[in-house]
C-alpha atoms as a PDB file:
ATOM      1  CA  MET A   1      -0.013   0.068   0.049  1.00  0.00           C
ATOM      2  CA  PRO A   2       2.370   3.209  -1.270  1.00  0.00           C
ATOM      3  CA  ILE A   3       1.674   6.111  -0.429  1.00  0.00           C
ATOM      4  CA  SER A   4       0.944   8.411  -3.781  1.00  0.00           C
ATOM      5  CA  VAL A   5       3.317  11.825  -2.426  1.00  0.00           C
ATOM      6  CA  THR A   6       1.260  13.955  -5.026  1.00  0.00           C
ATOM      7  CA  GLU A   7      -2.324  12.626  -3.045  1.00  0.00           C
ATOM      8  CA  ASP A   8      -1.744  11.361   0.249  1.00  0.00           C
ATOM      9  CA  ILE A   9      -0.022  13.997   1.878  1.00  0.00           C
ATOM     10  CA  ARG A  10      -2.125  17.172   2.809  1.00  0.00           C
ATOM     11  CA  SER A  11      -1.940  19.514   5.236  1.00  0.00           C
ATOM     12  CA  VAL A  12      -4.179  19.727   8.606  1.00  0.00           C
ATOM     13  CA  SER A  13      -5.574  23.053   6.919  1.00  0.00           C
ATOM     14  CA  ASP A  14      -6.632  21.001   3.913  1.00  0.00           C
ATOM     15  CA  LEU A  15      -8.301  18.491   5.918  1.00  0.00           C
ATOM     16  CA  LYS A  16     -10.025  20.923   7.816  1.00  0.00           C
ATOM     17  CA  ARG A  17     -11.309  22.586   4.449  1.00  0.00           C
ATOM     18  CA  ASP A  18     -11.864  19.234   2.521  1.00  0.00           C
ATOM     19  CA  THR A  19     -13.151  16.580   4.768  1.00  0.00           C
ATOM     20  CA  LYS A  20     -15.960  15.199   3.398  1.00  0.00           C
ATOM     21  CA  LYS A  21     -13.433  14.584   0.005  1.00  0.00           C
ATOM     22  CA  ILE A  22     -10.291  13.588   1.731  1.00  0.00           C
ATOM     23  CA  PHE A  23     -12.760  10.867   3.401  1.00  0.00           C
ATOM     24  CA  ARG A  24     -13.996   9.777   0.315  1.00  0.00           C
ATOM     25  CA  HIS A  25     -10.279   9.229  -0.951  1.00  0.00           C
ATOM     26  CA  LEU A  26      -9.318   7.315   1.659  1.00  0.00           C
ATOM     27  CA  ARG A  27     -12.115   5.104   1.198  1.00  0.00           C
ATOM     28  CA  GLU A  28     -11.887   4.616  -2.433  1.00  0.00           C
ATOM     29  CA  THR A  29      -8.002   4.197  -2.401  1.00  0.00           C
ATOM     30  CA  GLY A  30      -7.558   2.622   0.476  1.00  0.00           C
ATOM     31  CA  ARG A  31      -3.993   4.053   1.062  1.00  0.00           C
ATOM     32  CA  PRO A  32      -3.240   6.063   3.829  1.00  0.00           C
ATOM     33  CA  MET A  33      -2.722   9.605   4.198  1.00  0.00           C
ATOM     34  CA  VAL A  34      -0.201  11.465   6.005  1.00  0.00           C
ATOM     35  CA  VAL A  35      -1.446  14.944   7.433  1.00  0.00           C
ATOM     36  CA  THR A  36       1.118  17.627   8.453  1.00  0.00           C
ATOM     37  CA  VAL A  37       0.983  20.342  11.078  1.00  0.00           C
ATOM     38  CA  LYS A  38       3.610  22.971  10.037  1.00  0.00           C
ATOM     39  CA  GLY A  39       4.965  20.989   7.053  1.00  0.00           C
ATOM     40  CA  LYS A  40       5.680  17.995   9.236  1.00  0.00           C
ATOM     41  CA  PRO A  41       3.858  14.412   9.633  1.00  0.00           C
ATOM     42  CA  GLY A  42       1.658  14.656  12.258  1.00  0.00           C
ATOM     43  CA  VAL A  43      -1.003  12.213  12.049  1.00  0.00           C
ATOM     44  CA  VAL A  44      -1.498   9.202   9.687  1.00  0.00           C
ATOM     45  CA  LEU A  45      -5.528   8.423   8.729  1.00  0.00           C
ATOM     46  CA  LEU A  46      -6.471   5.219   7.369  1.00  0.00           C
ATOM     47  CA  ASP A  47     -10.095   3.679   6.101  1.00  0.00           C
ATOM     48  CA  ALA A  48     -11.535   2.005   9.198  1.00  0.00           C
ATOM     49  CA  ALA A  49     -12.129  -1.086   6.619  1.00  0.00           C
ATOM     50  CA  VAL A  50      -8.563  -0.981   5.476  1.00  0.00           C
ATOM     51  CA  TYR A  51      -7.473  -0.615   9.428  1.00  0.00           C
ATOM     52  CA  GLN A  52      -9.154  -3.571  10.402  1.00  0.00           C
ATOM     53  CA  LYS A  53      -8.352  -5.837   7.860  1.00  0.00           C
ATOM     54  CA  ARG A  54      -4.427  -4.774   8.689  1.00  0.00           C
ATOM     55  CA  ILE A  55      -4.829  -5.363  12.301  1.00  0.00           C
ATOM     56  CA  ALA A  56      -6.009  -8.778  11.694  1.00  0.00           C
ATOM     57  CA  GLU A  57      -3.260  -9.276   9.158  1.00  0.00           C
ATOM     58  CA  ILE A  58      -1.028  -8.339  12.346  1.00  0.00           C
ATOM     59  CA  ASN A  59      -3.213 -10.550  14.522  1.00  0.00           C
ATOM     60  CA  LEU A  60      -2.124 -13.335  12.360  1.00  0.00           C
ATOM     61  CA  SER A  61       1.220 -12.692  11.742  1.00  0.00           C
ATOM     62  CA  ARG A  62       2.075 -12.682  15.636  1.00  0.00           C
ATOM     63  CA  PHE A  63       0.667 -16.225  15.657  1.00  0.00           C
ATOM     64  CA  LEU A  64       2.468 -17.217  12.922  1.00  0.00           C
ATOM     65  CA  THR A  65       6.086 -15.947  14.324  1.00  0.00           C
ATOM     66  CA  GLU A  66       4.640 -18.054  17.610  1.00  0.00           C
ATOM     67  CA  ALA A  67       4.292 -21.092  15.558  1.00  0.00           C
ATOM     68  CA  GLU A  68       7.428 -20.760  13.930  1.00  0.00           C
ATOM     69  CA  ALA A  69       9.528 -20.515  17.162  1.00  0.00           C
ATOM     70  CA  ASP A  70       7.537 -23.596  18.281  1.00  0.00           C
ATOM     71  CA  ILE A  71       8.746 -25.119  15.676  1.00  0.00           C
ATOM     72  CA  LYS A  72      12.594 -24.393  15.410  1.00  0.00           C
ATOM     73  CA  GLY A  73      12.296 -25.044  19.332  1.00  0.00           C
ATOM     74  CA  GLY A  74      11.264 -28.422  18.354  1.00  0.00           C
ATOM     75  CA  ARG A  75       8.105 -27.790  20.480  1.00  0.00           C
ATOM     76  CA  VAL A  76       5.919 -29.709  17.707  1.00  0.00           C
ATOM     77  CA  ARG A  77       3.852 -33.034  18.059  1.00  0.00           C
ATOM     78  CA  PRO A  78       1.248 -34.956  15.636  1.00  0.00           C
ATOM     79  CA  ALA A  79      -1.523 -33.773  14.672  1.00  0.00           C
ATOM     80  CA  ARG A  80      -3.339 -36.965  15.448  1.00  0.00           C
ATOM     81  CA  GLN A  81      -2.115 -36.380  19.400  1.00  0.00           C
ATOM     82  CA  ALA A  82      -2.998 -32.719  19.527  1.00  0.00           C
ATOM     83  CA  ILE A  83      -6.536 -33.371  18.272  1.00  0.00           C
ATOM     84  CA  LYS A  84      -6.850 -36.083  20.831  1.00  0.00           C
ATOM     85  CA  ASP A  85      -5.750 -33.982  23.374  1.00  0.00           C
ATOM     86  CA  ILE A  86      -8.329 -31.074  22.392  1.00  0.00           C
ATOM     87  CA  LYS A  87     -10.744 -33.461  22.257  1.00  0.00           C
ATOM     88  CA  ARG A  88     -10.104 -34.627  25.966  1.00  0.00           C
ATOM     89  CA  ARG A  89      -9.557 -31.229  27.405  1.00  0.00           C
ATOM     90  CA  ALA A  90     -13.280 -30.496  25.735  1.00  0.00           C
ATOM     91  CA  GLY A  91     -14.956 -33.343  27.094  1.00  0.00           C
ATOM     92  CA  LEU A  92     -15.647 -34.634  23.700  1.00  0.00           C
END
């Protein structure tokens, strides 16, 4: 999700003046927008649906990182045994 320098960096004055237009742009492009304050990056705006998707990706990445560490550390067992253990704990 690369940022377009000409479209995705706006001043806080632009945000105040063109809020609806900027929000529409965020929804349509799915790209984040950097809002500058006194010429320096102040905040980053992101469409809520895109934000939610990114959070899900981050969470999945964390689980995969933990799983990879378990594999490298030898903390694994056969799938059949894992399923039996899950059923036992669930009382099935």
